Amino acid sequence: MSATVSQIPDGAARLEKKLLSAAGRAIADFGLIADGDRLMVAVSGGKDSYTLLQILRLLQQRAPVRFSLLAVNLDQGHPGFPGERLEGWLRANGFEYRMLKEDTYAIVKSKVPEGQTTCSLCSRLRRGILYNAAEALGCNKIALGHHRDDLIETLLLNQFFSGKLSAMPPLLRSDDGRNTVIRPLCYAAEPDIAAYAEACAFPIIPCDLCGSQEQLQRKKVKALLDSLERDHPHVRESLAAAIANVKPSHLLDRKLWDPHGERPEKSAPGKLLPVLVEG
């Protein structure tokens, strides 16, 4: 039986403290949560979303501002999706939740040729459904479980394959103004999250229900980082620091320069946040 929020194993206490500190710092640095917010926490059943939901509840109990949580899972019609395991855990732990179902699996299989990666279309469809659900359920912000390593990998993916210098922003407002996405775990390291999820025995739902996706570019980037860290153990920490230490005057983007060729001013921490876009 998986551990409930009130039954955190002793071995997870140090990790929990570390994750709480990382999330609290991100919330403070980027103003992710305000008094009266109602957060829709997207819970896929993976280690990241379980950890996010649990950490947000702990912060909710200690924070000086009042905010509410609504856990939302989307069953996209993947064969054998064990949503009852997730729902049972949410119910046992007293979370307010909604279980949604939309058969995007059939759409993806009809649009993507056999053998090609389905994740891009699948995630785009999921995002649209969750955005609409957040508005219908009265949630003014959507909390996603992306962590430090996701941001690093996205940074490299965009550089290697898209020709742009961007990662995932900690806070993103949609173009139509309907939704605000926040990433409270953006400072949290994936190994800490994985160890915490294992210690808490979350009922993990595998992400391979739609079939093997071994050729994903993200997996290749992760393998590259693992290889580099065998010789240079702090590569990920350095890349995470680089995302927060941007020097526009040393880049070639002409939009950062004025028409007279003057160099852009040095940016204070956080000044570039509004121009960051999700890759």
Protein backbone atom coordinates (compact mmCIF):
# COMPACT_ATOMS: atom_id res chain seq x y z
CA MET A 1 0.00 0.00 0.00
CA SER A 2 1.39 3.42 -0.92
CA ALA A 3 2.19 5.96 1.78
CA THR A 4 -0.32 8.71 2.46
CA VAL A 5 0.59 12.35 2.97
CA SER A 6 0.27 11.94 6.73
CA GLN A 7 2.53 8.86 6.73
CA ILE A 8 5.76 10.15 5.18
CA PRO A 9 8.56 7.62 5.76
CA ASP A 10 11.49 8.78 7.90
CA GLY A 11 13.87 8.27 4.98
CA ALA A 12 11.99 10.88 2.93
CA ALA A 13 12.20 13.66 5.51
CA ARG A 14 15.51 15.12 4.28
CA LEU A 15 14.41 14.97 0.65
CA GLU A 16 11.07 16.54 1.53
CA LYS A 17 12.80 19.43 3.27
CA LYS A 18 15.04 19.96 0.25
CA LEU A 19 12.12 19.91 -2.19
CA LEU A 20 10.07 22.24 0.00
CA SER A 21 12.97 24.68 0.05
CA ALA A 22 13.40 24.53 -3.74
CA ALA A 23 9.68 25.04 -4.40
CA GLY A 24 9.40 27.83 -1.83
CA ARG A 25 12.34 29.64 -3.40
CA ALA A 26 10.87 29.35 -6.90
CA ILE A 27 7.47 30.63 -5.71
CA ALA A 28 9.13 33.61 -4.02
CA ASP A 29 11.53 34.39 -6.87
CA PHE A 30 8.89 34.43 -9.61
CA GLY A 31 5.67 35.23 -7.71
CA LEU A 32 4.08 31.94 -8.72
CA ILE A 33 1.32 31.82 -6.09
CA ALA A 34 -0.76 34.68 -4.68
CA ASP A 35 -3.43 34.94 -2.01
CA GLY A 36 -6.71 33.47 -3.19
CA ASP A 37 -5.27 31.43 -6.07
CA ARG A 38 -7.01 28.20 -7.04
CA LEU A 39 -4.42 25.90 -8.58
CA MET A 40 -5.25 23.11 -10.95
CA VAL A 41 -2.44 20.60 -10.40
CA ALA A 42 -2.01 18.39 -13.47
CA VAL A 43 -1.41 14.89 -12.08
CA SER A 44 -0.38 12.36 -14.70
CA GLY A 45 0.53 9.60 -12.27
CA GLY A 46 4.26 10.06 -12.77
CA LYS A 47 6.82 10.76 -10.06
CA ASP A 48 7.00 14.49 -10.84
CA SER A 49 3.28 15.24 -10.58
CA TYR A 50 2.82 13.18 -7.41
CA THR A 51 5.71 15.04 -5.82
CA LEU A 52 4.39 18.42 -6.98
CA LEU A 53 0.95 17.78 -5.51
CA GLN A 54 2.33 16.60 -2.18
CA ILE A 55 4.82 19.46 -1.87
CA LEU A 56 2.14 22.03 -2.72
CA ARG A 57 -0.14 20.63 -0.02
CA LEU A 58 2.66 20.93 2.55
CA LEU A 59 3.35 24.49 1.44
CA GLN A 60 -0.38 25.22 1.59
CA GLN A 61 -0.35 24.29 5.27
CA ARG A 62 2.58 26.60 6.04
CA ALA A 63 2.33 29.49 3.59
CA PRO A 64 1.35 33.00 4.71
CA VAL A 65 -1.11 33.19 1.78
CA ARG A 66 -4.26 31.16 1.25
CA PHE A 67 -4.65 29.08 -1.90
CA SER A 68 -6.56 25.95 -2.87
CA LEU A 69 -5.60 22.86 -4.85
CA LEU A 70 -7.54 20.78 -7.36
CA ALA A 71 -5.78 17.67 -8.67
CA VAL A 72 -6.79 16.87 -12.25
CA ASN A 73 -5.93 13.75 -14.21
CA LEU A 74 -6.64 13.32 -17.91
CA ASP A 75 -7.18 9.80 -19.26
CA GLN A 76 -6.38 10.19 -22.96
CA GLY A 77 -7.71 6.80 -23.94
CA HIS A 78 -4.45 4.86 -23.86
CA PRO A 79 -5.16 1.11 -23.73
CA GLY A 80 -4.88 -0.24 -20.21
CA PHE A 81 -4.63 3.15 -18.51
CA PRO A 82 -4.84 2.32 -14.76
CA GLY A 83 -6.53 5.52 -13.65
CA GLU A 84 -8.18 3.76 -10.71
CA ARG A 85 -4.79 3.49 -8.96
CA LEU A 86 -4.29 7.23 -9.09
CA GLU A 87 -7.89 7.98 -8.13
CA GLY A 88 -7.65 5.63 -5.15
CA TRP A 89 -4.53 7.42 -3.91
CA LEU A 90 -6.09 10.85 -4.33
CA ARG A 91 -9.22 9.76 -2.45
CA ALA A 92 -7.25 8.07 0.35
CA ASN A 93 -5.22 11.22 0.89
CA GLY A 94 -8.21 13.55 0.93
CA PHE A 95 -7.36 15.58 -2.17
CA GLU A 96 -10.05 17.40 -4.09
CA TYR A 97 -9.78 15.96 -7.59
CA ARG A 98 -11.35 15.48 -11.01
CA MET A 99 -10.77 12.55 -13.37
CA LEU A 100 -11.22 13.66 -16.98
CA LYS A 101 -11.35 11.48 -20.07
CA GLU A 102 -10.86 12.45 -23.72
CA ASP A 103 -9.86 9.94 -26.39
CA THR A 104 -6.91 11.77 -27.92
CA TYR A 105 -5.12 8.43 -28.33
CA ALA A 106 -7.25 7.60 -31.36
CA ILE A 107 -6.55 11.02 -32.88
CA VAL A 108 -2.80 10.64 -32.39
CA LYS A 109 -2.72 7.13 -33.88
CA SER A 110 -4.65 8.32 -36.93
CA LYS A 111 -2.44 11.36 -37.52
CA VAL A 112 1.07 10.07 -36.73
CA PRO A 113 2.58 7.42 -39.04
CA GLU A 114 3.59 4.14 -37.41
CA GLY A 115 7.08 4.31 -35.90
CA GLN A 116 7.18 8.10 -35.52
CA THR A 117 7.17 9.93 -32.19
CA THR A 118 3.68 10.64 -30.89
CA CYS A 119 4.60 12.76 -27.85
CA SER A 120 4.46 16.18 -29.53
CA LEU A 121 0.88 15.88 -30.81
CA CYS A 122 -0.25 14.01 -27.70
CA SER A 123 1.06 16.71 -25.36
CA ARG A 124 -0.42 19.50 -27.52
CA LEU A 125 -3.87 17.92 -27.38
CA ARG A 126 -3.53 17.32 -23.63
CA ARG A 127 -2.51 20.93 -23.05
CA GLY A 128 -5.57 22.26 -24.89
CA ILE A 129 -7.93 20.06 -22.87
CA LEU A 130 -6.33 21.04 -19.56
CA TYR A 131 -6.44 24.74 -20.44
CA ASN A 132 -10.18 24.52 -21.13
CA ALA A 133 -10.74 22.43 -18.00
CA ALA A 134 -8.94 24.94 -15.79
CA GLU A 135 -11.29 27.70 -16.90
CA ALA A 136 -14.38 25.52 -16.50
CA LEU A 137 -13.32 24.40 -13.02
CA GLY A 138 -12.60 27.93 -11.80
CA CYS A 139 -8.83 27.53 -11.54
CA ASN A 140 -6.80 30.65 -12.32
CA LYS A 141 -3.45 28.83 -12.54
CA ILE A 142 -2.24 25.45 -13.79
CA ALA A 143 0.67 23.88 -11.89
CA LEU A 144 2.90 21.51 -13.86
CA GLY A 145 5.57 19.18 -12.49
CA HIS A 146 8.49 20.16 -14.73
CA HIS A 147 11.73 20.24 -12.76
CA ARG A 148 15.27 21.59 -13.14
CA ASP A 149 16.37 18.74 -15.42
CA ASP A 150 13.38 19.27 -17.74
CA LEU A 151 14.40 22.91 -18.15
CA ILE A 152 18.01 21.95 -18.87
CA GLU A 153 17.04 19.33 -21.43
CA THR A 154 14.63 21.73 -23.14
CA LEU A 155 17.37 24.36 -23.32
CA LEU A 156 19.68 21.91 -25.12
CA LEU A 157 16.91 20.51 -27.34
CA ASN A 158 16.02 24.00 -28.52
CA GLN A 159 19.67 24.82 -29.22
CA PHE A 160 20.47 21.54 -31.00
CA PHE A 161 17.29 21.05 -33.02
CA SER A 162 15.30 24.31 -33.14
CA GLY A 163 17.98 26.98 -33.39
CA LYS A 164 16.76 29.03 -30.47
CA LEU A 165 17.98 29.85 -26.99
CA SER A 166 15.07 29.14 -24.63
CA ALA A 167 14.01 26.76 -21.90
CA MET A 168 10.72 26.48 -19.97
CA PRO A 169 9.63 29.60 -18.07
CA PRO A 170 8.66 29.27 -14.40
CA LEU A 171 5.54 31.29 -15.18
CA LEU A 172 3.80 31.51 -18.55
CA ARG A 173 0.66 33.43 -19.46
CA SER A 174 -1.21 32.21 -22.52
CA ASP A 175 -1.61 34.58 -25.45
CA ASP A 176 -5.37 34.81 -24.94
CA GLY A 177 -4.93 35.61 -21.25
CA ARG A 178 -7.16 32.73 -20.13
CA ASN A 179 -4.51 30.63 -18.43
CA THR A 180 -1.37 31.01 -16.36
CA VAL A 181 0.99 28.05 -16.12
CA ILE A 182 3.41 27.77 -13.19
CA ARG A 183 6.29 25.35 -12.52
CA PRO A 184 7.00 25.36 -8.78
CA LEU A 185 9.58 22.54 -9.10
CA CYS A 186 11.77 24.43 -11.59
CA TYR A 187 14.66 24.50 -9.07
CA ALA A 188 14.22 20.87 -7.95
CA ALA A 189 16.64 18.21 -9.23
CA GLU A 190 15.15 15.11 -10.85
CA PRO A 191 17.20 12.63 -8.74
CA ASP A 192 15.77 14.18 -5.56
CA ILE A 193 12.23 13.88 -6.94
CA ALA A 194 12.81 10.27 -8.02
CA ALA A 195 14.21 9.32 -4.61
CA TYR A 196 11.35 11.07 -2.82
CA ALA A 197 8.72 9.36 -4.98
CA GLU A 198 10.31 5.98 -4.30
CA ALA A 199 10.50 6.62 -0.54
CA CYS A 200 6.84 7.64 -0.49
CA ALA A 201 5.85 4.61 -2.62
CA PHE A 202 3.63 6.65 -4.94
CA PRO A 203 1.54 4.36 -7.22
CA ILE A 204 3.38 5.34 -10.40
CA ILE A 205 1.59 5.03 -13.73
CA PRO A 206 4.13 4.32 -16.51
CA CYS A 207 4.47 6.85 -19.31
CA ASP A 208 4.90 4.17 -22.01
CA LEU A 209 1.24 3.18 -22.33
CA CYS A 210 1.17 4.39 -25.93
CA GLY A 211 4.15 2.23 -26.89
CA SER A 212 7.91 2.52 -26.82
CA GLN A 213 9.34 5.89 -27.75
CA GLU A 214 13.03 4.99 -27.50
CA GLN A 215 14.13 7.43 -30.19
CA LEU A 216 12.91 10.57 -28.46
CA GLN A 217 15.48 13.34 -28.78
CA ARG A 218 14.96 14.16 -25.10
CA LYS A 219 16.22 10.72 -24.15
CA LYS A 220 19.33 11.29 -26.24
CA VAL A 221 19.97 14.62 -24.54
CA LYS A 222 19.51 13.00 -21.11
CA ALA A 223 22.02 10.30 -22.09
CA LEU A 224 24.46 12.99 -23.26
CA LEU A 225 24.20 14.79 -19.92
CA ASP A 226 24.68 11.52 -18.05
CA SER A 227 27.81 10.85 -20.09
CA LEU A 228 29.22 14.34 -19.42
CA GLU A 229 28.51 14.05 -15.71
CA ARG A 230 30.61 10.93 -15.42
CA ASP A 231 33.66 13.17 -15.94
CA HIS A 232 32.18 16.47 -14.77
CA PRO A 233 29.69 15.82 -11.93
CA HIS A 234 28.28 19.37 -11.81
CA VAL A 235 27.29 19.78 -15.47
CA ARG A 236 23.56 19.95 -14.73
CA GLU A 237 24.08 22.43 -11.90
CA SER A 238 26.15 24.61 -14.22
CA LEU A 239 23.53 24.54 -16.97
CA ALA A 240 20.79 25.39 -14.46
CA ALA A 241 22.88 28.35 -13.28
CA ALA A 242 23.37 29.46 -16.90
CA ILE A 243 19.61 29.70 -17.47
CA ALA A 244 19.49 32.20 -14.58
CA ASN A 245 22.60 34.10 -15.66
CA VAL A 246 21.82 35.46 -19.13
CA LYS A 247 24.18 37.99 -20.75
CA PRO A 248 22.24 39.50 -23.69
CA SER A 249 25.22 41.62 -24.76
CA HIS A 250 27.13 38.44 -25.58
CA LEU A 251 24.47 36.98 -27.90
CA LEU A 252 23.70 37.58 -31.58
CA ASP A 253 19.96 38.24 -31.39
CA ARG A 254 19.48 41.58 -33.17
CA LYS A 255 16.20 42.16 -31.33
CA LEU A 256 18.28 42.69 -28.19
CA TRP A 257 20.19 45.54 -29.83
CA ASP A 258 18.82 48.97 -30.67
CA PRO A 259 18.76 50.24 -34.30
CA HIS A 260 21.93 52.26 -33.73
CA GLY A 261 23.98 49.24 -32.83
CA GLU A 262 24.25 50.01 -29.15
CA ARG A 263 24.89 47.04 -26.91
CA PRO A 264 21.97 45.96 -24.71
CA GLU A 265 22.19 46.86 -21.08
CA LYS A 266 23.09 44.18 -18.58
CA SER A 267 19.91 42.59 -17.31
CA ALA A 268 19.12 42.24 -13.66
CA PRO A 269 18.01 38.78 -12.50
CA GLY A 270 14.51 38.07 -13.77
CA LYS A 271 14.45 40.98 -16.21
CA LEU A 272 14.24 38.68 -19.23
CA LEU A 273 11.41 36.57 -17.79
CA PRO A 274 8.65 38.17 -19.92
CA VAL A 275 10.45 37.28 -23.18
CA LEU A 276 11.10 33.64 -22.36
CA VAL A 277 8.87 31.29 -24.28
CA GLU A 278 8.32 27.59 -23.93
CA GLY A 279 10.05 25.44 -26.45
